[in-house]
mmCIF file of all heavy atoms, coordinates in Angstrom:
data_MODEL
# 
_entry.id   MODEL 
# 
loop_
_atom_site.group_PDB 
_atom_site.id 
_atom_site.type_symbol 
_atom_site.label_atom_id 
_atom_site.label_alt_id 
_atom_site.label_comp_id 
_atom_site.label_asym_id 
_atom_site.label_entity_id 
_atom_site.label_seq_id 
_atom_site.pdbx_PDB_ins_code 
_atom_site.Cartn_x 
_atom_site.Cartn_y 
_atom_site.Cartn_z 
_atom_site.occupancy 
_atom_site.B_iso_or_equiv 
_atom_site.pdbx_formal_charge 
_atom_site.auth_seq_id 
_atom_site.auth_comp_id 
_atom_site.auth_asym_id 
_atom_site.auth_atom_id 
_atom_site.pdbx_PDB_model_num 
ATOM 1   N N   . ALA A 1 1  ? 0.848   -1.184 -0.007  1.00 0.00 ? 1  ALA A N   1 
ATOM 2   C CA  . ALA A 1 1  ? 0.001   0.003  0.000   1.00 0.00 ? 1  ALA A CA  1 
ATOM 3   C C   . ALA A 1 1  ? 0.878   1.235  -0.002  1.00 0.00 ? 1  ALA A C   1 
ATOM 4   O O   . ALA A 1 1  ? 1.969   1.232  0.598   1.00 0.00 ? 1  ALA A O   1 
ATOM 5   C CB  . ALA A 1 1  ? -0.895  -0.007 1.226   1.00 0.00 ? 1  ALA A CB  1 
ATOM 6   N N   . PRO A 1 2  ? 0.460   2.283  -0.667  1.00 0.00 ? 2  PRO A N   1 
ATOM 7   C CA  . PRO A 1 2  ? 1.273   3.502  -0.654  1.00 0.00 ? 2  PRO A CA  1 
ATOM 8   C C   . PRO A 1 2  ? 1.381   4.046  0.763   1.00 0.00 ? 2  PRO A C   1 
ATOM 9   O O   . PRO A 1 2  ? 0.488   3.879  1.583   1.00 0.00 ? 2  PRO A O   1 
ATOM 10  C CB  . PRO A 1 2  ? 0.514   4.466  -1.575  1.00 0.00 ? 2  PRO A CB  1 
ATOM 11  C CG  . PRO A 1 2  ? -0.842  3.888  -1.747  1.00 0.00 ? 2  PRO A CG  1 
ATOM 12  C CD  . PRO A 1 2  ? -0.756  2.428  -1.429  1.00 0.00 ? 2  PRO A CD  1 
ATOM 13  N N   . GLU A 1 3  ? 2.502   4.713  1.037   1.00 0.00 ? 3  GLU A N   1 
ATOM 14  C CA  . GLU A 1 3  ? 2.750   5.245  2.383   1.00 0.00 ? 3  GLU A CA  1 
ATOM 15  C C   . GLU A 1 3  ? 1.712   6.288  2.760   1.00 0.00 ? 3  GLU A C   1 
ATOM 16  O O   . GLU A 1 3  ? 1.288   6.373  3.896   1.00 0.00 ? 3  GLU A O   1 
ATOM 17  C CB  . GLU A 1 3  ? 4.152   5.833  2.451   1.00 0.00 ? 3  GLU A CB  1 
ATOM 18  C CG  . GLU A 1 3  ? 5.231   4.777  2.331   1.00 0.00 ? 3  GLU A CG  1 
ATOM 19  C CD  . GLU A 1 3  ? 6.611   5.381  2.369   1.00 0.00 ? 3  GLU A CD  1 
ATOM 20  O OE1 . GLU A 1 3  ? 6.779   6.562  2.737   1.00 0.00 ? 3  GLU A OE1 1 
ATOM 21  O OE2 . GLU A 1 3  ? 7.540   4.650  2.019   1.00 0.00 ? 3  GLU A OE2 1 
ATOM 22  N N   . ARG A 1 4  ? 1.324   7.112  1.826   1.00 0.00 ? 4  ARG A N   1 
ATOM 23  C CA  . ARG A 1 4  ? 0.281   8.096  2.110   1.00 0.00 ? 4  ARG A CA  1 
ATOM 24  C C   . ARG A 1 4  ? -0.728  8.032  0.963   1.00 0.00 ? 4  ARG A C   1 
ATOM 25  O O   . ARG A 1 4  ? -0.372  7.731  -0.172  1.00 0.00 ? 4  ARG A O   1 
ATOM 26  C CB  . ARG A 1 4  ? 0.865   9.486  2.259   1.00 0.00 ? 4  ARG A CB  1 
ATOM 27  C CG  . ARG A 1 4  ? 1.592   9.957  1.038   1.00 0.00 ? 4  ARG A CG  1 
ATOM 28  C CD  . ARG A 1 4  ? 2.298   11.286 1.331   1.00 0.00 ? 4  ARG A CD  1 
ATOM 29  N NE  . ARG A 1 4  ? 3.147   11.586 0.191   1.00 0.00 ? 4  ARG A NE  1 
ATOM 30  C CZ  . ARG A 1 4  ? 2.964   12.625 -0.603  1.00 0.00 ? 4  ARG A CZ  1 
ATOM 31  N NH1 . ARG A 1 4  ? 2.002   13.478 -0.378  1.00 0.00 ? 4  ARG A NH1 1 
ATOM 32  N NH2 . ARG A 1 4  ? 3.773   12.829 -1.623  1.00 0.00 ? 4  ARG A NH2 1 
ATOM 33  N N   . PRO A 1 5  ? -1.968  8.298  1.264   1.00 0.00 ? 5  PRO A N   1 
ATOM 34  C CA  . PRO A 1 5  ? -2.974  8.201  0.214   1.00 0.00 ? 5  PRO A CA  1 
ATOM 35  C C   . PRO A 1 5  ? -2.723  9.236  -0.875  1.00 0.00 ? 5  PRO A C   1 
ATOM 36  O O   . PRO A 1 5  ? -2.248  10.336 -0.598  1.00 0.00 ? 5  PRO A O   1 
ATOM 37  C CB  . PRO A 1 5  ? -4.288  8.445  0.938   1.00 0.00 ? 5  PRO A CB  1 
ATOM 38  C CG  . PRO A 1 5  ? -3.944  9.045  2.246   1.00 0.00 ? 5  PRO A CG  1 
ATOM 39  C CD  . PRO A 1 5  ? -2.523  8.664  2.545   1.00 0.00 ? 5  PRO A CD  1 
ATOM 40  N N   . ALA A 1 6  ? -3.049  8.847  -2.065  1.00 0.00 ? 6  ALA A N   1 
ATOM 41  C CA  . ALA A 1 6  ? -2.887  9.763  -3.192  1.00 0.00 ? 6  ALA A CA  1 
ATOM 42  C C   . ALA A 1 6  ? -3.924  10.873 -3.076  1.00 0.00 ? 6  ALA A C   1 
ATOM 43  O O   . ALA A 1 6  ? -5.035  10.641 -2.587  1.00 0.00 ? 6  ALA A O   1 
ATOM 44  C CB  . ALA A 1 6  ? -3.091  9.000  -4.490  1.00 0.00 ? 6  ALA A CB  1 
ATOM 45  N N   . PRO A 1 7  ? -3.568  12.099 -3.495  1.00 0.00 ? 7  PRO A N   1 
ATOM 46  C CA  . PRO A 1 7  ? -4.534  13.184 -3.399  1.00 0.00 ? 7  PRO A CA  1 
ATOM 47  C C   . PRO A 1 7  ? -5.747  12.889 -4.277  1.00 0.00 ? 7  PRO A C   1 
ATOM 48  O O   . PRO A 1 7  ? -5.628  12.352 -5.364  1.00 0.00 ? 7  PRO A O   1 
ATOM 49  C CB  . PRO A 1 7  ? -3.766  14.411 -3.893  1.00 0.00 ? 7  PRO A CB  1 
ATOM 50  C CG  . PRO A 1 7  ? -2.583  13.882 -4.599  1.00 0.00 ? 7  PRO A CG  1 
ATOM 51  C CD  . PRO A 1 7  ? -2.324  12.501 -4.076  1.00 0.00 ? 7  PRO A CD  1 
ATOM 52  N N   . VAL A 1 8  ? -6.900  13.265 -3.747  1.00 0.00 ? 8  VAL A N   1 
ATOM 53  C CA  . VAL A 1 8  ? -8.149  13.031 -4.467  1.00 0.00 ? 8  VAL A CA  1 
ATOM 54  C C   . VAL A 1 8  ? -8.518  14.319 -5.174  1.00 0.00 ? 8  VAL A C   1 
ATOM 55  O O   . VAL A 1 8  ? -8.511  15.391 -4.567  1.00 0.00 ? 8  VAL A O   1 
ATOM 56  C CB  . VAL A 1 8  ? -9.267  12.602 -3.490  1.00 0.00 ? 8  VAL A CB  1 
ATOM 57  C CG1 . VAL A 1 8  ? -10.579 12.431 -4.225  1.00 0.00 ? 8  VAL A CG1 1 
ATOM 58  C CG2 . VAL A 1 8  ? -8.862  11.343 -2.758  1.00 0.00 ? 8  VAL A CG2 1 
ATOM 59  N N   . ALA A 1 9  ? -8.852  14.222 -6.437  1.00 0.00 ? 9  ALA A N   1 
ATOM 60  C CA  . ALA A 1 9  ? -9.247  15.403 -7.192  1.00 0.00 ? 9  ALA A CA  1 
ATOM 61  C C   . ALA A 1 9  ? -10.610 15.876 -6.708  1.00 0.00 ? 9  ALA A C   1 
ATOM 62  O O   . ALA A 1 9  ? -11.476 15.053 -6.411  1.00 0.00 ? 9  ALA A O   1 
ATOM 63  C CB  . ALA A 1 9  ? -9.305  15.067 -8.665  1.00 0.00 ? 9  ALA A CB  1 
ATOM 64  N N   . PRO A 1 10 ? -10.805 17.183 -6.623  1.00 0.00 ? 10 PRO A N   1 
ATOM 65  C CA  . PRO A 1 10 ? -12.117 17.679 -6.182  1.00 0.00 ? 10 PRO A CA  1 
ATOM 66  C C   . PRO A 1 10 ? -13.177 17.348 -7.224  1.00 0.00 ? 10 PRO A C   1 
ATOM 67  O O   . PRO A 1 10 ? -12.870 17.238 -8.410  1.00 0.00 ? 10 PRO A O   1 
ATOM 68  C CB  . PRO A 1 10 ? -11.898 19.189 -6.063  1.00 0.00 ? 10 PRO A CB  1 
ATOM 69  C CG  . PRO A 1 10 ? -10.728 19.489 -6.930  1.00 0.00 ? 10 PRO A CG  1 
ATOM 70  C CD  . PRO A 1 10 ? -9.886  18.257 -6.938  1.00 0.00 ? 10 PRO A CD  1 
ATOM 71  N N   . PRO A 1 11 ? -14.423 17.192 -6.776  1.00 0.00 ? 11 PRO A N   1 
ATOM 72  C CA  . PRO A 1 11 ? -15.467 16.887 -7.754  1.00 0.00 ? 11 PRO A CA  1 
ATOM 73  C C   . PRO A 1 11 ? -15.664 18.053 -8.700  1.00 0.00 ? 11 PRO A C   1 
ATOM 74  O O   . PRO A 1 11 ? -15.410 19.200 -8.337  1.00 0.00 ? 11 PRO A O   1 
ATOM 75  C CB  . PRO A 1 11 ? -16.712 16.651 -6.885  1.00 0.00 ? 11 PRO A CB  1 
ATOM 76  C CG  . PRO A 1 11 ? -16.419 17.324 -5.599  1.00 0.00 ? 11 PRO A CG  1 
ATOM 77  C CD  . PRO A 1 11 ? -14.932 17.315 -5.443  1.00 0.00 ? 11 PRO A CD  1 
ATOM 78  N N   . PRO A 1 12 ? -16.086 17.780 -9.923  1.00 0.00 ? 12 PRO A N   1 
ATOM 79  C CA  . PRO A 1 12 ? -16.262 18.881 -10.879 1.00 0.00 ? 12 PRO A CA  1 
ATOM 80  C C   . PRO A 1 12 ? -17.358 19.829 -10.390 1.00 0.00 ? 12 PRO A C   1 
ATOM 81  O O   . PRO A 1 12 ? -18.356 19.405 -9.807  1.00 0.00 ? 12 PRO A O   1 
ATOM 82  C CB  . PRO A 1 12 ? -16.664 18.178 -12.173 1.00 0.00 ? 12 PRO A CB  1 
ATOM 83  C CG  . PRO A 1 12 ? -17.086 16.817 -11.790 1.00 0.00 ? 12 PRO A CG  1 
ATOM 84  C CD  . PRO A 1 12 ? -16.432 16.505 -10.491 1.00 0.00 ? 12 PRO A CD  1 
ATOM 85  N N   . ALA A 1 13 ? -17.135 21.101 -10.638 1.00 0.00 ? 13 ALA A N   1 
ATOM 86  C CA  . ALA A 1 13 ? -18.094 22.116 -10.200 1.00 0.00 ? 13 ALA A CA  1 
ATOM 87  C C   . ALA A 1 13 ? -19.343 22.037 -11.060 1.00 0.00 ? 13 ALA A C   1 
ATOM 88  O O   . ALA A 1 13 ? -19.284 21.715 -12.252 1.00 0.00 ? 13 ALA A O   1 
ATOM 89  C CB  . ALA A 1 13 ? -17.457 23.489 -10.296 1.00 0.00 ? 13 ALA A CB  1 
ATOM 90  N N   . GLU A 1 14 ? -20.478 22.335 -10.422 1.00 0.00 ? 14 GLU A N   1 
ATOM 91  C CA  . GLU A 1 14 ? -21.742 22.355 -11.152 1.00 0.00 ? 14 GLU A CA  1 
ATOM 92  C C   . GLU A 1 14 ? -21.744 23.585 -12.047 1.00 0.00 ? 14 GLU A C   1 
ATOM 93  O O   . GLU A 1 14 ? -21.305 24.666 -11.653 1.00 0.00 ? 14 GLU A O   1 
ATOM 94  C CB  . GLU A 1 14 ? -22.916 22.427 -10.162 1.00 0.00 ? 14 GLU A CB  1 
ATOM 95  C CG  . GLU A 1 14 ? -23.087 21.188 -9.333  1.00 0.00 ? 14 GLU A CG  1 
ATOM 96  C CD  . GLU A 1 14 ? -23.510 20.000 -10.187 1.00 0.00 ? 14 GLU A CD  1 
ATOM 97  O OE1 . GLU A 1 14 ? -24.315 20.168 -11.104 1.00 0.00 ? 14 GLU A OE1 1 
ATOM 98  O OE2 . GLU A 1 14 ? -23.000 18.889 -9.915  1.00 0.00 ? 14 GLU A OE2 1 
ATOM 99  N N   . PRO A 1 15 ? -22.255 23.435 -13.283 1.00 0.00 ? 15 PRO A N   1 
ATOM 100 C CA  . PRO A 1 15 ? -22.289 24.608 -14.157 1.00 0.00 ? 15 PRO A CA  1 
ATOM 101 C C   . PRO A 1 15 ? -23.285 25.647 -13.639 1.00 0.00 ? 15 PRO A C   1 
ATOM 102 O O   . PRO A 1 15 ? -24.305 25.296 -13.072 1.00 0.00 ? 15 PRO A O   1 
ATOM 103 C CB  . PRO A 1 15 ? -22.755 24.039 -15.499 1.00 0.00 ? 15 PRO A CB  1 
ATOM 104 C CG  . PRO A 1 15 ? -23.336 22.716 -15.216 1.00 0.00 ? 15 PRO A CG  1 
ATOM 105 C CD  . PRO A 1 15 ? -22.755 22.252 -13.924 1.00 0.00 ? 15 PRO A CD  1 
ATOM 106 N N   . THR A 1 16 ? -22.902 26.888 -13.802 1.00 0.00 ? 16 THR A N   1 
ATOM 107 C CA  . THR A 1 16 ? -23.787 27.974 -13.377 1.00 0.00 ? 16 THR A CA  1 
ATOM 108 C C   . THR A 1 16 ? -24.253 28.749 -14.596 1.00 0.00 ? 16 THR A C   1 
ATOM 109 O O   . THR A 1 16 ? -23.693 28.611 -15.688 1.00 0.00 ? 16 THR A O   1 
ATOM 110 C CB  . THR A 1 16 ? -23.044 28.932 -12.417 1.00 0.00 ? 16 THR A CB  1 
ATOM 111 O OG1 . THR A 1 16 ? -21.915 29.461 -13.112 1.00 0.00 ? 16 THR A OG1 1 
ATOM 112 C CG2 . THR A 1 16 ? -22.582 28.204 -11.168 1.00 0.00 ? 16 THR A CG2 1 
ATOM 113 N N   . ALA A 1 17 ? -25.252 29.590 -14.380 1.00 0.00 ? 17 ALA A N   1 
ATOM 114 C CA  . ALA A 1 17 ? -25.825 30.342 -15.498 1.00 0.00 ? 17 ALA A CA  1 
ATOM 115 C C   . ALA A 1 17 ? -24.829 31.330 -16.069 1.00 0.00 ? 17 ALA A C   1 
ATOM 116 O O   . ALA A 1 17 ? -24.861 31.633 -17.253 1.00 0.00 ? 17 ALA A O   1 
ATOM 117 C CB  . ALA A 1 17 ? -27.083 31.074 -15.043 1.00 0.00 ? 17 ALA A CB  1 
ATOM 118 N N   . ASP A 1 18 ? -23.920 31.839 -15.232 1.00 0.00 ? 18 ASP A N   1 
ATOM 119 C CA  . ASP A 1 18 ? -22.970 32.829 -15.728 1.00 0.00 ? 18 ASP A CA  1 
ATOM 120 C C   . ASP A 1 18 ? -21.686 32.186 -16.234 1.00 0.00 ? 18 ASP A C   1 
ATOM 121 O O   . ASP A 1 18 ? -20.754 32.877 -16.609 1.00 0.00 ? 18 ASP A O   1 
ATOM 122 C CB  . ASP A 1 18 ? -22.681 33.878 -14.647 1.00 0.00 ? 18 ASP A CB  1 
ATOM 123 C CG  . ASP A 1 18 ? -22.064 33.256 -13.406 1.00 0.00 ? 18 ASP A CG  1 
ATOM 124 O OD1 . ASP A 1 18 ? -22.434 32.104 -13.071 1.00 0.00 ? 18 ASP A OD1 1 
ATOM 125 O OD2 . ASP A 1 18 ? -21.234 33.911 -12.755 1.00 0.00 ? 18 ASP A OD2 1 
ATOM 126 N N   . ALA A 1 19 ? -21.621 30.854 -16.265 1.00 0.00 ? 19 ALA A N   1 
ATOM 127 C CA  . ALA A 1 19 ? -20.439 30.167 -16.786 1.00 0.00 ? 19 ALA A CA  1 
ATOM 128 C C   . ALA A 1 19 ? -20.366 30.426 -18.275 1.00 0.00 ? 19 ALA A C   1 
ATOM 129 O O   . ALA A 1 19 ? -21.364 30.652 -18.943 1.00 0.00 ? 19 ALA A O   1 
ATOM 130 C CB  . ALA A 1 19 ? -20.519 28.680 -16.512 1.00 0.00 ? 19 ALA A CB  1 
ATOM 131 N N   . GLY A 1 20 ? -19.189 30.382 -18.813 1.00 0.00 ? 20 GLY A N   1 
ATOM 132 C CA  . GLY A 1 20 ? -18.980 30.628 -20.245 1.00 0.00 ? 20 GLY A CA  1 
ATOM 133 C C   . GLY A 1 20 ? -19.715 29.606 -21.094 1.00 0.00 ? 20 GLY A C   1 
ATOM 134 O O   . GLY A 1 20 ? -20.315 28.656 -20.601 1.00 0.00 ? 20 GLY A O   1 
ATOM 135 N N   . PRO A 1 21 ? -19.717 29.802 -22.400 1.00 0.00 ? 21 PRO A N   1 
ATOM 136 C CA  . PRO A 1 21 ? -20.433 28.877 -23.275 1.00 0.00 ? 21 PRO A CA  1 
ATOM 137 C C   . PRO A 1 21 ? -19.840 27.481 -23.183 1.00 0.00 ? 21 PRO A C   1 
ATOM 138 O O   . PRO A 1 21 ? -18.644 27.306 -23.043 1.00 0.00 ? 21 PRO A O   1 
ATOM 139 C CB  . PRO A 1 21 ? -20.236 29.476 -24.661 1.00 0.00 ? 21 PRO A CB  1 
ATOM 140 C CG  . PRO A 1 21 ? -19.042 30.347 -24.553 1.00 0.00 ? 21 PRO A CG  1 
ATOM 141 C CD  . PRO A 1 21 ? -18.991 30.827 -23.132 1.00 0.00 ? 21 PRO A CD  1 
ATOM 142 N N   . GLY A 1 22 ? -20.690 26.509 -23.239 1.00 0.00 ? 22 GLY A N   1 
ATOM 143 C CA  . GLY A 1 22 ? -20.272 25.109 -23.180 1.00 0.00 ? 22 GLY A CA  1 
ATOM 144 C C   . GLY A 1 22 ? -21.022 24.340 -24.237 1.00 0.00 ? 22 GLY A C   1 
ATOM 145 O O   . GLY A 1 22 ? -21.929 24.862 -24.885 1.00 0.00 ? 22 GLY A O   1 
ATOM 146 N N   . PRO A 1 23 ? -20.672 23.082 -24.429 1.00 0.00 ? 23 PRO A N   1 
ATOM 147 C CA  . PRO A 1 23 ? -21.298 22.316 -25.502 1.00 0.00 ? 23 PRO A CA  1 
ATOM 148 C C   . PRO A 1 23 ? -22.782 22.101 -25.267 1.00 0.00 ? 23 PRO A C   1 
ATOM 149 O O   . PRO A 1 23 ? -23.556 21.985 -26.205 1.00 0.00 ? 23 PRO A O   1 
ATOM 150 C CB  . PRO A 1 23 ? -20.545 20.989 -25.478 1.00 0.00 ? 23 PRO A CB  1 
ATOM 151 C CG  . PRO A 1 23 ? -19.973 20.899 -24.101 1.00 0.00 ? 23 PRO A CG  1 
ATOM 152 C CD  . PRO A 1 23 ? -19.711 22.306 -23.679 1.00 0.00 ? 23 PRO A CD  1 
ATOM 153 N N   . PHE A 1 24 ? -23.227 22.124 -23.996 1.00 0.00 ? 24 PHE A N   1 
ATOM 154 C CA  . PHE A 1 24 ? -24.640 21.871 -23.737 1.00 0.00 ? 24 PHE A CA  1 
ATOM 155 C C   . PHE A 1 24 ? -25.463 23.153 -23.819 1.00 0.00 ? 24 PHE A C   1 
ATOM 156 O O   . PHE A 1 24 ? -26.667 23.114 -23.845 1.00 0.00 ? 24 PHE A O   1 
ATOM 157 C CB  . PHE A 1 24 ? -24.820 21.200 -22.373 1.00 0.00 ? 24 PHE A CB  1 
ATOM 158 C CG  . PHE A 1 24 ? -24.115 19.888 -22.311 1.00 0.00 ? 24 PHE A CG  1 
ATOM 159 C CD1 . PHE A 1 24 ? -22.994 19.718 -21.529 1.00 0.00 ? 24 PHE A CD1 1 
ATOM 160 C CD2 . PHE A 1 24 ? -24.532 18.808 -23.077 1.00 0.00 ? 24 PHE A CD2 1 
ATOM 161 C CE1 . PHE A 1 24 ? -22.334 18.504 -21.480 1.00 0.00 ? 24 PHE A CE1 1 
ATOM 162 C CE2 . PHE A 1 24 ? -23.885 17.600 -23.037 1.00 0.00 ? 24 PHE A CE2 1 
ATOM 163 C CZ  . PHE A 1 24 ? -22.785 17.438 -22.239 1.00 0.00 ? 24 PHE A CZ  1 
ATOM 164 N N   . ARG A 1 25 ? -24.820 24.327 -23.799 1.00 0.00 ? 25 ARG A N   1 
ATOM 165 C CA  . ARG A 1 25 ? -25.561 25.575 -23.905 1.00 0.00 ? 25 ARG A CA  1 
ATOM 166 C C   . ARG A 1 25 ? -25.563 26.110 -25.326 1.00 0.00 ? 25 ARG A C   1 
ATOM 167 O O   . ARG A 1 25 ? -26.495 26.775 -25.730 1.00 0.00 ? 25 ARG A O   1 
ATOM 168 C CB  . ARG A 1 25 ? -24.945 26.609 -22.968 1.00 0.00 ? 25 ARG A CB  1 
ATOM 169 C CG  . ARG A 1 25 ? -25.277 26.353 -21.505 1.00 0.00 ? 25 ARG A CG  1 
ATOM 170 C CD  . ARG A 1 25 ? -24.841 27.521 -20.698 1.00 0.00 ? 25 ARG A CD  1 
ATOM 171 N NE  . ARG A 1 25 ? -24.057 27.297 -19.522 1.00 0.00 ? 25 ARG A NE  1 
ATOM 172 C CZ  . ARG A 1 25 ? -23.064 26.454 -19.312 1.00 0.00 ? 25 ARG A CZ  1 
ATOM 173 N NH1 . ARG A 1 25 ? -22.657 25.702 -20.232 1.00 0.00 ? 25 ARG A NH1 1 
ATOM 174 N NH2 . ARG A 1 25 ? -22.450 26.369 -18.162 1.00 0.00 ? 25 ARG A NH2 1 
ATOM 175 N N   . THR A 1 26 ? -24.555 25.839 -26.102 1.00 0.00 ? 26 THR A N   1 
ATOM 176 C CA  . THR A 1 26 ? -24.475 26.398 -27.452 1.00 0.00 ? 26 THR A CA  1 
ATOM 177 C C   . THR A 1 26 ? -25.314 25.624 -28.444 1.00 0.00 ? 26 THR A C   1 
ATOM 178 O O   . THR A 1 26 ? -25.802 26.205 -29.397 1.00 0.00 ? 26 THR A O   1 
ATOM 179 C CB  . THR A 1 26 ? -23.011 26.435 -27.945 1.00 0.00 ? 26 THR A CB  1 
ATOM 180 O OG1 . THR A 1 26 ? -22.473 25.124 -27.888 1.00 0.00 ? 26 THR A OG1 1 
ATOM 181 C CG2 . THR A 1 26 ? -22.182 27.382 -27.120 1.00 0.00 ? 26 THR A CG2 1 
ATOM 182 N N   . ALA A 1 27 ? -25.526 24.339 -28.247 1.00 0.00 ? 27 ALA A N   1 
ATOM 183 C CA  . ALA A 1 27 ? -26.319 23.558 -29.203 1.00 0.00 ? 27 ALA A CA  1 
ATOM 184 C C   . ALA A 1 27 ? -27.772 24.032 -29.255 1.00 0.00 ? 27 ALA A C   1 
ATOM 185 O O   . ALA A 1 27 ? -28.299 24.262 -30.342 1.00 0.00 ? 27 ALA A O   1 
ATOM 186 C CB  . ALA A 1 27 ? -26.236 22.067 -28.872 1.00 0.00 ? 27 ALA A CB  1 
ATOM 187 N N   . PRO A 1 28 ? -28.461 24.232 -28.115 1.00 0.00 ? 28 PRO A N   1 
ATOM 188 C CA  . PRO A 1 28 ? -29.849 24.727 -28.209 1.00 0.00 ? 28 PRO A CA  1 
ATOM 189 C C   . PRO A 1 28 ? -29.927 26.135 -28.809 1.00 0.00 ? 28 PRO A C   1 
ATOM 190 O O   . PRO A 1 28 ? -30.848 26.443 -29.556 1.00 0.00 ? 28 PRO A O   1 
ATOM 191 C CB  . PRO A 1 28 ? -30.337 24.722 -26.765 1.00 0.00 ? 28 PRO A CB  1 
ATOM 192 C CG  . PRO A 1 28 ? -29.461 23.761 -26.049 1.00 0.00 ? 28 PRO A CG  1 
ATOM 193 C CD  . PRO A 1 28 ? -28.141 23.834 -26.752 1.00 0.00 ? 28 PRO A CD  1 
ATOM 194 N N   . VAL A 1 29 ? -28.953 26.971 -28.481 1.00 0.00 ? 29 VAL A N   1 
ATOM 195 C CA  . VAL A 1 29 ? -28.961 28.326 -29.030 1.00 0.00 ? 29 VAL A CA  1 
ATOM 196 C C   . VAL A 1 29 ? -28.794 28.280 -30.551 1.00 0.00 ? 29 VAL A C   1 
ATOM 197 O O   . VAL A 1 29 ? -29.515 28.942 -31.293 1.00 0.00 ? 29 VAL A O   1 
ATOM 198 C CB  . VAL A 1 29 ? -27.852 29.184 -28.372 1.00 0.00 ? 29 VAL A CB  1 
ATOM 199 C CG1 . VAL A 1 29 ? -27.710 30.521 -29.058 1.00 0.00 ? 29 VAL A CG1 1 
ATOM 200 C CG2 . VAL A 1 29 ? -28.146 29.371 -26.894 1.00 0.00 ? 29 VAL A CG2 1 
ATOM 201 N N   . ALA A 1 30 ? -27.852 27.467 -31.015 1.00 0.00 ? 30 ALA A N   1 
ATOM 202 C CA  . ALA A 1 30 ? -27.631 27.353 -32.459 1.00 0.00 ? 30 ALA A CA  1 
ATOM 203 C C   . ALA A 1 30 ? -28.850 26.780 -33.149 1.00 0.00 ? 30 ALA A C   1 
ATOM 204 O O   . ALA A 1 30 ? -29.240 27.231 -34.236 1.00 0.00 ? 30 ALA A O   1 
ATOM 205 C CB  . ALA A 1 30 ? -26.407 26.477 -32.735 1.00 0.00 ? 30 ALA A CB  1 
ATOM 206 N N   . THR A 1 31 ? -29.492 25.799 -32.534 1.00 0.00 ? 31 THR A N   1 
ATOM 207 C CA  . THR A 1 31 ? -30.710 25.217 -33.106 1.00 0.00 ? 31 THR A CA  1 
ATOM 208 C C   . THR A 1 31 ? -31.808 26.259 -33.175 1.00 0.00 ? 31 THR A C   1 
ATOM 209 O O   . THR A 1 31 ? -32.524 26.362 -34.185 1.00 0.00 ? 31 THR A O   1 
ATOM 210 C CB  . THR A 1 31 ? -31.164 23.997 -32.277 1.00 0.00 ? 31 THR A CB  1 
ATOM 211 O OG1 . THR A 1 31 ? -30.099 23.070 -32.207 1.00 0.00 ? 31 THR A OG1 1 
ATOM 212 C CG2 . THR A 1 31 ? -32.389 23.349 -32.883 1.00 0.00 ? 31 THR A CG2 1 
# 
């Protein structure tokens, strides 16, 4: 076993309304 536990990555942040454009927001707008 490793001597100390490996660092755990933080969970991904929930998208907010003021977040920049993303693939799930640009597709409905383009449509």
